[in-house]
Amino acid sequence: MVNKNNKEVLLSISNLKQYFPIKKGRVVKANDGVSIDIYKGETFGLVGESGCGKSTLGRTILQLYHQTYGRTMYYGRSLEELAPKYFQTTIKNLPKLRKNWKELESKKEKLENEYSKLTEEQQFAKHEELDTARKLAEDAMLNMTKIVGGFITVEDLTPVQNIYGKVYDLSRKIAGLHDSLQDANVDLADAEFALDKGKGSQSKVDSCRMNVDDVSAQIEKAKKELENLRSEIEQMRAPYKNNPEFLKYEEYRDEGIDLARLNYNEMRKLRRDLQLIFQDPYSSLNPRMSVGQIISEGMQAHNMIKRKDERMQERVLKIMDQCGLAPYFLHRFPHQFSGGQRQRIGIARALATQPKFVVCDEAVSALDVSIQAQIINLLQDLKEEANLTYLFITHDLSVVKYISDRIGVMYLGNMVELADSQDIFANPIHPYTEALLNAIPTTEDESRKELQILEGDIPSPVNPPKGCKFHTRCAYCTEICRQVVPEWEEVRPNHFVACHHKRI
């Protein structure tokens, strides 16, 4: 997907919420409505104090925690490559889903009418109820429009269901063929490797190559059939091209995969695309496995290579070399390495599956400063070599400034500011960002002033403050801050903030 800035989006996160239940029906609101886009090939830095929800956000994006609410749209694969079950479920239940949406829309409009007649003080009390109603109606609408667009406004949904049902069936066929193609390519690579070592035959290689070509031809044929169906869908859209109501919902149509709606097996297929580098280089490695076993485990799990394949060692050694690990480390165990070497092993393990997106969860915070610099440079080099996209989570602002293209600032589960790295440091707008920057120690001559310590403790995520969550520690707090949640808005080009008293 390409956004309004003509940048290719890899992940689009909308209103993501991650709540963890605790006793007596209470919940910890670890992430409470986060919305960001992560562009392909960038490093997105995520900063904030400990306990603000940074690591939870990274793991929720990867669906290691099943998110409570919201969308995580992934554009690294096409819908026909995966053919998720939720696609079929939405199409089958389209009339029922539309009826439910209309009821939620009606309830929202009623609340909006009532809200407009209230005093400002009464509106403070009703704001959260209205916000919830709006989000429920929007969620119900997006479930349908992400797939069928403006067709939800059409009176008779039967033709829509029929053609999209055919699209789903064909997508399932293509998804199965992609799995077969991966297996066929592995068999071909095995045969070619055996031939090079003088253990195989040319006839075996030719047979495997024919199988690859056959499956590839089937995929191309199925894709042409799919294109024909899409042409039919566009012809069905033609009569509505001047209908404003139809076009309004057509804008929401989306070819991405909603990670939050995938089942276990579907998500498992995407695990090789989405990887994680852990914070602790000690406890994140299995002490009973050698370096070679640790790095190769992901490749075996995703059928990228057969177990006990002779090519395995060759691949592992290549990845180790890319990550600065000596070949003789192959059969050693984690306890024989330093922290920096262990983190290189963790990085090699994450990159072994050839991912597109990597969450670096405080990947350098447990290391010495000199080793931090080495690991950051390594991550930068690997990013350029493999065109990777990073979500770089840290509490160290000096580190995130060096490595990140854009920086998001989190406070108590919410994103409070987002901008290009240089802009965040040069022109912070949110009082929290300003306070974090003022607390950075510096040796520059022009900054002889004392460090400005951010007073107070982070409130409990079980019972967060009403309104703006930062108001309990903010020097610019007024009554509106205590009552109303600030809107997330673009105050300068590509600079977003959620604050009633922006420091512009």
Protein backbone atom coordinates (compact mmCIF):
# COMPACT_ATOMS: atom_id res chain seq x y z
CA MET A 1 0.00 0.00 0.00
CA VAL A 2 1.23 3.52 -0.85
CA ASN A 3 0.23 6.34 1.51
CA LYS A 4 -0.43 10.03 0.77
CA ASN A 5 3.32 10.75 0.99
CA ASN A 6 4.00 8.19 -1.77
CA LYS A 7 5.78 5.91 0.67
CA GLU A 8 5.19 2.17 0.57
CA VAL A 9 3.57 0.99 3.80
CA LEU A 10 4.54 -2.43 5.17
CA LEU A 11 2.39 -2.36 8.31
CA SER A 12 -0.57 -0.13 9.14
CA ILE A 13 -1.69 -0.26 12.78
CA SER A 14 -5.07 1.29 13.59
CA ASN A 15 -6.50 1.87 17.09
CA LEU A 16 -4.58 -1.10 18.50
CA LYS A 17 -5.52 -2.00 22.08
CA GLN A 18 -3.88 -4.65 24.21
CA TYR A 19 -5.50 -5.30 27.60
CA PHE A 20 -4.43 -7.98 30.07
CA PRO A 21 -7.07 -9.22 32.53
CA ILE A 22 -6.25 -9.33 36.24
CA LYS A 23 -8.34 -10.35 39.25
CA LYS A 24 -11.84 -8.99 40.01
CA GLY A 25 -12.61 -8.14 36.39
CA ARG A 26 -9.98 -5.41 36.10
CA VAL A 27 -7.57 -5.03 33.18
CA VAL A 28 -4.10 -3.62 32.54
CA LYS A 29 -4.33 -1.25 29.56
CA ALA A 30 -0.86 -1.89 28.15
CA ASN A 31 -1.68 -0.36 24.72
CA ASP A 32 -4.73 1.86 24.51
CA GLY A 33 -5.49 2.94 20.96
CA VAL A 34 -2.20 3.11 19.01
CA SER A 35 -2.32 4.11 15.32
CA ILE A 36 0.85 4.23 13.20
CA ASP A 37 2.13 3.31 9.73
CA ILE A 38 5.52 1.63 9.33
CA TYR A 39 7.10 2.14 5.91
CA LYS A 40 8.95 -0.51 3.98
CA GLY A 41 12.72 -0.26 4.47
CA GLU A 42 12.64 2.20 7.39
CA THR A 43 13.69 1.99 11.03
CA PHE A 44 10.82 3.15 13.22
CA GLY A 45 12.09 4.10 16.69
CA LEU A 46 9.81 3.69 19.69
CA VAL A 47 10.76 5.41 22.95
CA GLY A 48 9.29 6.07 26.37
CA GLU A 49 9.81 5.34 30.04
CA SER A 50 9.79 1.78 31.37
CA GLY A 51 6.24 0.44 31.64
CA CYS A 52 4.81 2.63 28.86
CA GLY A 53 3.88 -0.37 26.65
CA LYS A 54 6.68 -0.32 24.06
CA SER A 55 7.58 -4.03 24.22
CA THR A 56 3.92 -5.01 24.43
CA LEU A 57 3.22 -3.06 21.23
CA GLY A 58 6.05 -4.82 19.39
CA ARG A 59 4.89 -8.26 20.47
CA THR A 60 1.26 -7.48 19.74
CA ILE A 61 2.11 -6.37 16.20
CA LEU A 62 3.75 -9.80 15.78
CA GLN A 63 0.59 -11.35 17.30
CA LEU A 64 2.58 -13.02 20.06
CA TYR A 65 -0.22 -11.50 22.12
CA HIS A 66 -3.61 -11.67 20.44
CA GLN A 67 -4.64 -8.02 20.33
CA THR A 68 -7.76 -7.00 22.20
CA TYR A 69 -9.00 -4.53 19.60
CA GLY A 70 -7.97 -2.75 16.40
CA ARG A 71 -6.27 -3.62 13.14
CA THR A 72 -2.77 -4.59 12.12
CA MET A 73 -2.70 -4.60 8.31
CA TYR A 74 0.31 -6.31 6.71
CA TYR A 75 1.25 -5.63 3.07
CA GLY A 76 4.24 -7.94 2.71
CA ARG A 77 2.08 -10.69 1.20
CA SER A 78 -1.01 -10.60 -1.02
CA LEU A 79 -4.41 -11.91 0.07
CA GLU A 80 -4.32 -14.70 -2.52
CA GLU A 81 -0.99 -15.96 -1.16
CA LEU A 82 -2.57 -16.57 2.23
CA ALA A 83 -6.35 -16.69 1.58
CA PRO A 84 -7.29 -16.08 5.23
CA LYS A 85 -10.43 -17.69 6.60
CA TYR A 86 -11.83 -14.35 7.74
CA PHE A 87 -12.19 -13.39 4.05
CA GLN A 88 -14.67 -16.22 3.49
CA THR A 89 -16.45 -15.60 6.82
CA THR A 90 -17.00 -11.93 5.96
CA ILE A 91 -18.42 -12.75 2.53
CA LYS A 92 -20.75 -15.44 3.87
CA ASN A 93 -22.15 -13.18 6.59
CA LEU A 94 -22.27 -9.94 4.62
CA PRO A 95 -26.04 -9.26 5.03
CA LYS A 96 -25.92 -9.97 8.78
CA LEU A 97 -22.79 -7.85 9.22
CA ARG A 98 -24.38 -4.96 7.34
CA LYS A 99 -27.50 -5.11 9.52
CA ASN A 100 -25.37 -5.05 12.66
CA TRP A 101 -23.41 -2.08 11.32
CA LYS A 102 -26.59 -0.13 10.56
CA GLU A 103 -27.80 -0.70 14.13
CA LEU A 104 -24.48 0.54 15.54
CA GLU A 105 -24.57 3.56 13.22
CA SER A 106 -28.06 4.40 14.42
CA LYS A 107 -26.99 4.18 18.07
CA LYS A 108 -23.95 6.37 17.37
CA GLU A 109 -26.05 9.05 15.63
CA LYS A 110 -28.52 9.09 18.54
CA LEU A 111 -25.69 9.59 21.03
CA GLU A 112 -24.19 12.36 18.86
CA ASN A 113 -27.51 14.22 18.82
CA GLU A 114 -27.83 13.92 22.59
CA TYR A 115 -24.21 14.97 23.06
CA SER A 116 -24.63 18.17 21.03
CA LYS A 117 -27.39 19.35 23.41
CA LEU A 118 -25.33 18.91 26.58
CA THR A 119 -23.35 21.53 28.45
CA GLU A 120 -19.55 21.44 28.22
CA GLU A 121 -19.33 19.89 31.70
CA GLN A 122 -21.88 17.20 30.79
CA GLN A 123 -20.01 16.50 27.54
CA PHE A 124 -16.87 15.69 29.56
CA ALA A 125 -18.83 12.92 31.30
CA LYS A 126 -20.33 11.54 28.06
CA HIS A 127 -17.23 11.83 25.89
CA GLU A 128 -15.97 8.29 26.53
CA GLU A 129 -19.37 6.68 25.83
CA LEU A 130 -19.68 8.52 22.51
CA ASP A 131 -16.10 7.66 21.56
CA THR A 132 -16.79 3.95 22.20
CA ALA A 133 -19.97 4.04 20.07
CA ARG A 134 -18.09 5.68 17.20
CA LYS A 135 -15.32 3.09 17.32
CA LEU A 136 -17.74 0.15 17.39
CA ALA A 137 -19.60 1.48 14.35
CA GLU A 138 -16.34 2.15 12.51
CA ASP A 139 -15.03 -1.33 13.33
CA ALA A 140 -18.19 -3.01 12.02
CA MET A 141 -17.99 -0.97 8.81
CA LEU A 142 -14.29 -1.65 8.24
CA ASN A 143 -14.75 -5.42 8.61
CA MET A 144 -16.75 -5.33 5.40
CA THR A 145 -15.32 -2.43 3.43
CA LYS A 146 -11.70 -3.61 3.72
CA ILE A 147 -12.80 -6.49 1.46
CA VAL A 148 -15.81 -5.36 -0.63
CA GLY A 149 -15.54 -1.56 -0.47
CA GLY A 150 -18.61 0.40 -1.58
CA PHE A 151 -20.59 -2.78 -2.30
CA ILE A 152 -21.94 -2.63 1.28
CA THR A 153 -24.28 0.14 0.03
CA VAL A 154 -25.80 -2.11 -2.69
CA GLU A 155 -29.34 -3.32 -1.97
CA ASP A 156 -28.93 -6.91 -3.25
CA LEU A 157 -25.71 -8.45 -1.92
CA THR A 158 -26.17 -11.88 -3.56
CA PRO A 159 -24.14 -11.12 -6.74
CA VAL A 160 -21.40 -9.62 -4.56
CA GLN A 161 -21.28 -12.71 -2.36
CA ASN A 162 -21.18 -15.02 -5.39
CA ILE A 163 -18.26 -13.37 -7.15
CA TYR A 164 -16.23 -12.82 -4.00
CA GLY A 165 -16.89 -16.46 -3.08
CA LYS A 166 -15.21 -17.45 -6.36
CA VAL A 167 -12.32 -15.11 -5.58
CA TYR A 168 -11.82 -16.79 -2.21
CA ASP A 169 -11.92 -20.33 -3.69
CA LEU A 170 -9.35 -19.37 -6.30
CA SER A 171 -7.19 -17.66 -3.66
CA ARG A 172 -7.23 -20.86 -1.59
CA LYS A 173 -6.01 -22.76 -4.65
CA ILE A 174 -3.19 -20.22 -5.21
CA ALA A 175 -2.19 -20.39 -1.53
CA GLY A 176 -1.91 -24.19 -1.75
CA LEU A 177 0.14 -23.93 -4.96
CA HIS A 178 2.57 -21.50 -3.27
CA ASP A 179 3.15 -24.08 -0.53
CA SER A 180 3.76 -26.74 -3.20
CA LEU A 181 6.17 -24.42 -5.02
CA GLN A 182 8.21 -23.89 -1.86
CA ASP A 183 8.50 -27.67 -1.38
CA ALA A 184 9.42 -28.13 -5.05
CA ASN A 185 12.15 -25.49 -4.82
CA VAL A 186 13.61 -27.19 -1.75
CA ASP A 187 13.68 -30.53 -3.60
CA LEU A 188 15.37 -28.88 -6.60
CA ALA A 189 18.02 -27.23 -4.40
CA ASP A 190 18.68 -30.60 -2.72
CA ALA A 191 19.08 -32.35 -6.07
CA GLU A 192 21.43 -29.66 -7.42
CA PHE A 193 23.52 -29.73 -4.23
CA ALA A 194 23.80 -33.53 -4.40
CA LEU A 195 24.85 -33.33 -8.06
CA ASP A 196 27.57 -30.78 -7.24
CA LYS A 197 28.91 -33.13 -4.54
CA GLY A 198 28.93 -36.05 -6.97
CA LYS A 199 26.17 -37.88 -5.06
CA GLY A 200 23.19 -37.20 -7.32
CA SER A 201 22.14 -37.46 -10.95
CA GLN A 202 21.21 -35.01 -13.70
CA SER A 203 17.93 -36.86 -14.28
CA LYS A 204 16.87 -36.13 -10.69
CA VAL A 205 17.69 -32.44 -11.16
CA ASP A 206 15.73 -32.35 -14.43
CA SER A 207 12.73 -34.05 -12.81
CA CYS A 208 12.72 -31.57 -9.90
CA ARG A 209 13.08 -28.63 -12.27
CA MET A 210 10.12 -29.86 -14.33
CA ASN A 211 8.07 -30.06 -11.13
CA VAL A 212 8.98 -26.45 -10.24
CA ASP A 213 8.07 -25.30 -13.75
CA ASP A 214 4.76 -27.19 -13.63
CA VAL A 215 3.69 -25.69 -10.30
CA SER A 216 4.79 -22.22 -11.45
CA ALA A 217 2.68 -22.61 -14.59
CA GLN A 218 -0.34 -23.61 -12.49
CA ILE A 219 0.12 -20.51 -10.33
CA GLU A 220 0.29 -18.25 -13.38
CA LYS A 221 -2.85 -19.85 -14.82
CA ALA A 222 -4.73 -19.40 -11.52
CA LYS A 223 -3.58 -15.79 -11.28
CA LYS A 224 -4.95 -15.07 -14.78
CA GLU A 225 -8.29 -16.56 -13.71
CA LEU A 226 -8.18 -14.33 -10.64
CA GLU A 227 -7.50 -11.27 -12.80
CA ASN A 228 -10.54 -12.15 -14.91
CA LEU A 229 -12.67 -12.27 -11.76
CA ARG A 230 -11.32 -8.90 -10.69
CA SER A 231 -12.24 -7.50 -14.11
CA GLU A 232 -15.78 -8.75 -13.55
CA ILE A 233 -15.83 -7.04 -10.15
CA GLU A 234 -14.71 -3.77 -11.74
CA GLN A 235 -17.53 -4.09 -14.28
CA MET A 236 -19.95 -4.53 -11.37
CA ARG A 237 -18.55 -1.32 -9.84
CA ALA A 238 -18.97 0.69 -13.07
CA PRO A 239 -22.66 1.67 -12.54
CA TYR A 240 -21.77 3.24 -9.18
CA LYS A 241 -18.80 5.36 -10.28
CA ASN A 242 -20.80 8.58 -9.80
CA ASN A 243 -22.54 7.51 -6.59
CA PRO A 244 -21.06 9.56 -3.69
CA GLU A 245 -22.28 7.11 -1.04
CA PHE A 246 -20.68 4.17 -2.85
CA LEU A 247 -17.40 6.04 -3.42
CA LYS A 248 -17.27 7.10 0.24
CA TYR A 249 -16.90 3.49 1.39
CA GLU A 250 -14.90 2.44 -1.67
CA GLU A 251 -11.96 4.44 -0.27
CA TYR A 252 -11.65 1.96 2.61
CA ARG A 253 -11.02 -1.03 0.31
CA ASP A 254 -7.71 -2.64 1.22
CA GLU A 255 -5.59 -5.49 -0.16
CA GLY A 256 -3.65 -5.96 3.08
CA ILE A 257 -3.85 -8.91 5.48
CA ASP A 258 -5.35 -8.15 8.89
CA LEU A 259 -3.00 -10.02 11.26
CA ALA A 260 -5.44 -9.60 14.15
CA ARG A 261 -8.05 -11.75 12.36
CA LEU A 262 -5.81 -14.66 11.37
CA ASN A 263 -6.09 -18.07 12.99
CA TYR A 264 -3.09 -19.92 14.46
CA ASN A 265 -2.04 -21.80 11.29
CA GLU A 266 -2.43 -18.73 9.07
CA MET A 267 -0.32 -16.62 11.43
CA ARG A 268 2.28 -19.38 11.60
CA LYS A 269 2.76 -19.13 7.83
CA LEU A 270 3.68 -15.47 8.22
CA ARG A 271 6.09 -16.01 11.14
CA ARG A 272 9.06 -16.27 8.78
CA ASP A 273 8.25 -12.72 7.54
CA LEU A 274 7.95 -11.21 11.03
CA GLN A 275 10.77 -11.82 13.47
CA LEU A 276 11.91 -10.64 16.92
CA ILE A 277 15.30 -9.86 18.46
CA PHE A 278 14.97 -10.20 22.23
CA GLN A 279 16.24 -7.80 24.88
CA ASP A 280 18.09 -10.35 27.01
CA PRO A 281 20.89 -12.12 25.08
CA TYR A 282 21.27 -14.59 27.96
CA SER A 283 17.82 -16.03 28.69
CA SER A 284 16.60 -15.85 25.05
CA LEU A 285 18.95 -18.63 23.88
CA ASN A 286 18.35 -22.30 24.69
CA PRO A 287 21.41 -23.41 26.73
CA ARG A 288 21.06 -27.01 25.49
CA MET A 289 21.30 -26.12 21.80
CA SER A 290 24.46 -25.34 19.86
CA VAL A 291 24.79 -22.14 17.82
CA GLY A 292 24.15 -24.09 14.61
CA GLN A 293 20.98 -25.63 16.02
CA ILE A 294 19.71 -22.28 17.33
CA ILE A 295 20.16 -20.52 13.98
CA SER A 296 18.83 -23.37 11.83
CA GLU A 297 15.72 -24.07 13.95
CA GLY A 298 13.58 -21.42 12.22
CA MET A 299 14.53 -22.59 8.72
CA GLN A 300 13.50 -26.14 9.58
CA ALA A 301 10.24 -25.05 11.22
CA HIS A 302 9.22 -23.17 8.07
CA ASN A 303 10.26 -25.94 5.66
CA MET A 304 12.88 -23.73 4.06
CA ILE A 305 15.26 -26.66 4.18
CA LYS A 306 14.93 -30.34 5.07
CA ARG A 307 16.11 -31.68 8.40
CA LYS A 308 19.64 -33.14 8.34
CA ASP A 309 20.15 -31.55 4.94
CA GLU A 310 23.82 -31.21 3.98
CA ARG A 311 23.13 -27.63 2.85
CA MET A 312 22.08 -26.64 6.36
CA GLN A 313 25.61 -26.04 7.65
CA GLU A 314 26.49 -24.03 4.54
CA ARG A 315 23.51 -21.72 5.05
CA VAL A 316 24.11 -21.33 8.77
CA LEU A 317 27.78 -20.45 8.23
CA LYS A 318 26.80 -17.81 5.68
CA ILE A 319 24.37 -16.16 8.14
CA MET A 320 26.97 -16.35 10.91
CA ASP A 321 29.50 -14.60 8.69
CA GLN A 322 26.98 -11.82 7.93
CA CYS A 323 26.48 -11.33 11.68
CA GLY A 324 30.19 -11.29 12.54
CA LEU A 325 30.37 -14.78 14.07
CA ALA A 326 33.43 -16.98 13.43
CA PRO A 327 32.84 -20.38 11.74
CA TYR A 328 34.34 -22.31 14.67
CA PHE A 329 31.46 -21.06 16.89
CA LEU A 330 29.10 -23.43 15.06
CA HIS A 331 29.19 -26.28 17.60
CA ARG A 332 29.62 -24.20 20.72
CA PHE A 333 26.89 -23.47 23.29
CA PRO A 334 25.52 -20.12 24.55
CA HIS A 335 27.33 -20.20 27.92
CA GLN A 336 30.65 -20.02 26.06
CA PHE A 337 29.95 -16.54 24.67
CA SER A 338 29.93 -12.93 25.86
CA GLY A 339 26.77 -10.79 25.86
CA GLY A 340 27.62 -9.12 22.56
CA GLN A 341 28.33 -12.46 20.86
CA ARG A 342 25.08 -13.90 22.20
CA GLN A 343 23.14 -10.97 20.78
CA ARG A 344 24.79 -11.58 17.39
CA ILE A 345 23.54 -15.19 17.64
CA GLY A 346 20.04 -13.87 18.39
CA ILE A 347 20.24 -11.57 15.37
CA ALA A 348 21.43 -14.44 13.14
CA ARG A 349 18.54 -16.60 14.36
CA ALA A 350 16.02 -13.83 13.52
CA LEU A 351 17.46 -13.28 10.03
CA ALA A 352 17.75 -16.98 9.13
CA THR A 353 14.15 -17.09 7.87
CA GLN A 354 14.77 -14.10 5.54
CA PRO A 355 12.17 -11.85 7.24
CA LYS A 356 10.75 -8.56 5.97
CA PHE A 357 10.04 -7.00 9.37
CA VAL A 358 12.05 -7.31 12.59
CA VAL A 359 11.11 -6.03 16.05
CA CYS A 360 14.31 -5.10 17.92
CA ASP A 361 13.04 -5.18 21.51
CA GLU A 362 15.62 -3.24 23.56
CA ALA A 363 18.20 -5.17 21.55
CA VAL A 364 21.20 -3.24 22.90
CA SER A 365 20.09 -2.10 26.37
CA ALA A 366 21.72 -5.08 28.17
CA LEU A 367 25.11 -4.50 26.50
CA ASP A 368 28.15 -2.35 27.28
CA VAL A 369 28.26 1.00 25.47
CA SER A 370 31.12 -0.02 23.15
CA ILE A 371 29.31 -3.25 22.23
CA GLN A 372 26.06 -1.31 21.68
CA ALA A 373 27.75 0.67 18.91
CA GLN A 374 28.94 -2.54 17.21
CA ILE A 375 25.48 -4.13 17.32
CA ILE A 376 23.77 -0.98 16.03
CA ASN A 377 26.22 -0.77 13.12
CA LEU A 378 25.61 -4.45 12.40
CA LEU A 379 21.83 -3.90 12.36
CA GLN A 380 22.27 -0.97 9.97
CA ASP A 381 24.43 -3.03 7.59
CA LEU A 382 22.03 -5.98 7.63
CA LYS A 383 19.09 -3.66 6.99
CA GLU A 384 20.74 -2.29 3.85
CA GLU A 385 21.82 -5.72 2.61
CA ALA A 386 18.42 -7.41 3.02
CA ASN A 387 16.11 -4.34 2.68
CA LEU A 388 14.74 -4.99 6.17
CA THR A 389 12.21 -2.93 8.11
CA TYR A 390 12.81 -2.44 11.84
CA LEU A 391 10.70 -1.47 14.81
CA PHE A 392 13.48 -0.39 17.15
CA ILE A 393 12.30 -0.26 20.77
CA THR A 394 14.48 1.50 23.33
CA HIS A 395 14.43 3.91 26.27
CA ASP A 396 17.77 5.44 25.20
CA LEU A 397 17.09 8.59 23.18
CA SER A 398 20.69 8.93 21.99
CA VAL A 399 20.56 5.43 20.46
CA VAL A 400 17.17 5.93 18.79
CA LYS A 401 18.32 9.25 17.29
CA TYR A 402 21.25 7.53 15.58
CA ILE A 403 19.44 4.54 14.09
CA SER A 404 15.85 5.71 13.42
CA ASP A 405 14.23 7.35 10.39
CA ARG A 406 11.12 8.26 12.39
CA ILE A 407 10.48 8.24 16.14
CA GLY A 408 7.27 7.57 18.05
CA VAL A 409 7.00 8.61 21.71
CA MET A 410 4.78 6.49 23.98
CA TYR A 411 3.30 7.29 27.37
CA LEU A 412 1.18 4.88 29.41
CA GLY A 413 -0.03 2.86 26.40
CA ASN A 414 -0.65 5.79 24.04
CA MET A 415 1.36 7.34 21.24
CA VAL A 416 1.76 11.03 22.13
CA GLU A 417 4.08 12.23 19.36
CA LEU A 418 5.44 10.98 16.03
CA ALA A 419 7.80 12.68 13.58
CA ASP A 420 11.03 12.34 11.62
CA SER A 421 14.01 11.71 13.89
CA GLN A 422 15.61 15.12 13.33
CA ASP A 423 12.31 16.95 13.78
CA ILE A 424 11.58 15.25 17.12
CA PHE A 425 14.92 16.38 18.54
CA ALA A 426 14.88 19.86 16.98
CA ASN A 427 11.20 20.72 17.51
CA PRO A 428 9.49 18.60 20.20
CA ILE A 429 5.81 19.54 20.53
CA HIS A 430 4.37 17.34 23.28
CA PRO A 431 5.34 18.33 26.88
CA TYR A 432 6.34 14.71 27.58
CA THR A 433 8.76 14.61 24.63
CA GLU A 434 10.15 17.96 25.73
CA ALA A 435 10.67 16.62 29.26
CA LEU A 436 12.44 13.47 28.00
CA LEU A 437 14.83 15.52 25.88
CA ASN A 438 15.57 17.94 28.73
CA ALA A 439 16.53 14.97 30.91
CA ILE A 440 19.29 13.79 28.54
CA PRO A 441 22.80 14.36 29.99
CA THR A 442 25.08 16.32 27.65
CA THR A 443 28.71 17.49 27.58
CA GLU A 444 28.15 20.35 25.13
CA ASP A 445 29.46 23.71 26.36
CA GLU A 446 26.30 25.61 25.47
CA SER A 447 24.20 23.36 27.71
CA ARG A 448 25.54 24.06 31.18
CA LYS A 449 22.09 24.11 32.76
CA GLU A 450 21.09 21.46 35.25
CA LEU A 451 19.15 18.42 34.08
CA GLN A 452 15.40 18.93 34.22
CA ILE A 453 14.02 15.86 35.94
CA LEU A 454 10.46 14.81 35.06
CA GLU A 455 8.64 14.86 38.39
CA GLY A 456 6.18 12.24 39.57
CA ASP A 457 5.62 8.57 38.80
CA ILE A 458 3.84 6.95 35.87
CA PRO A 459 0.20 6.29 36.90
CA SER A 460 -1.08 2.72 37.06
CA PRO A 461 -2.20 1.25 33.71
CA VAL A 462 -4.92 -0.58 35.68
CA ASN A 463 -6.55 2.72 36.62
CA PRO A 464 -5.13 5.40 34.27
CA PRO A 465 -6.04 9.08 34.74
CA LYS A 466 -9.11 10.42 32.96
CA GLY A 467 -8.57 12.67 29.95
CA CYS A 468 -4.92 13.13 28.93
CA LYS A 469 -2.93 10.49 30.81
CA PHE A 470 0.06 12.82 31.14
CA HIS A 471 -1.88 15.58 32.91
CA THR A 472 -0.81 14.39 36.39
CA ARG A 473 2.82 15.27 35.56
CA CYS A 474 2.36 18.08 33.01
CA ALA A 475 3.34 21.69 33.80
CA TYR A 476 0.80 23.02 31.29
CA CYS A 477 -2.25 21.09 32.55
CA THR A 478 -5.71 22.76 32.50
CA GLU A 479 -9.25 21.51 33.11
CA ILE A 480 -9.72 20.17 29.56
CA CYS A 481 -6.62 17.99 30.02
CA ARG A 482 -8.21 16.36 33.10
CA GLN A 483 -11.46 15.56 31.30
CA VAL A 484 -10.99 15.07 27.53
CA VAL A 485 -8.66 12.70 25.67
CA PRO A 486 -6.66 14.80 23.15
CA GLU A 487 -7.08 14.03 19.45
CA TRP A 488 -4.21 12.55 17.43
CA GLU A 489 -3.56 15.14 14.71
CA GLU A 490 -0.99 16.27 12.16
CA VAL A 491 0.21 19.69 13.29
CA ARG A 492 3.05 19.99 10.76
CA PRO A 493 3.81 17.90 7.66
CA ASN A 494 4.47 14.34 8.91
CA HIS A 495 4.55 15.53 12.55
CA PHE A 496 1.72 14.11 14.67
CA VAL A 497 0.86 14.82 18.29
CA ALA A 498 -1.93 14.25 20.83
CA CYS A 499 -2.04 17.26 23.15
CA HIS A 500 -4.42 20.10 24.08
CA HIS A 501 -1.50 22.50 24.65
CA LYS A 502 0.95 21.84 21.85
CA ARG A 503 4.41 23.39 22.25
CA ILE A 504 4.56 24.86 18.73
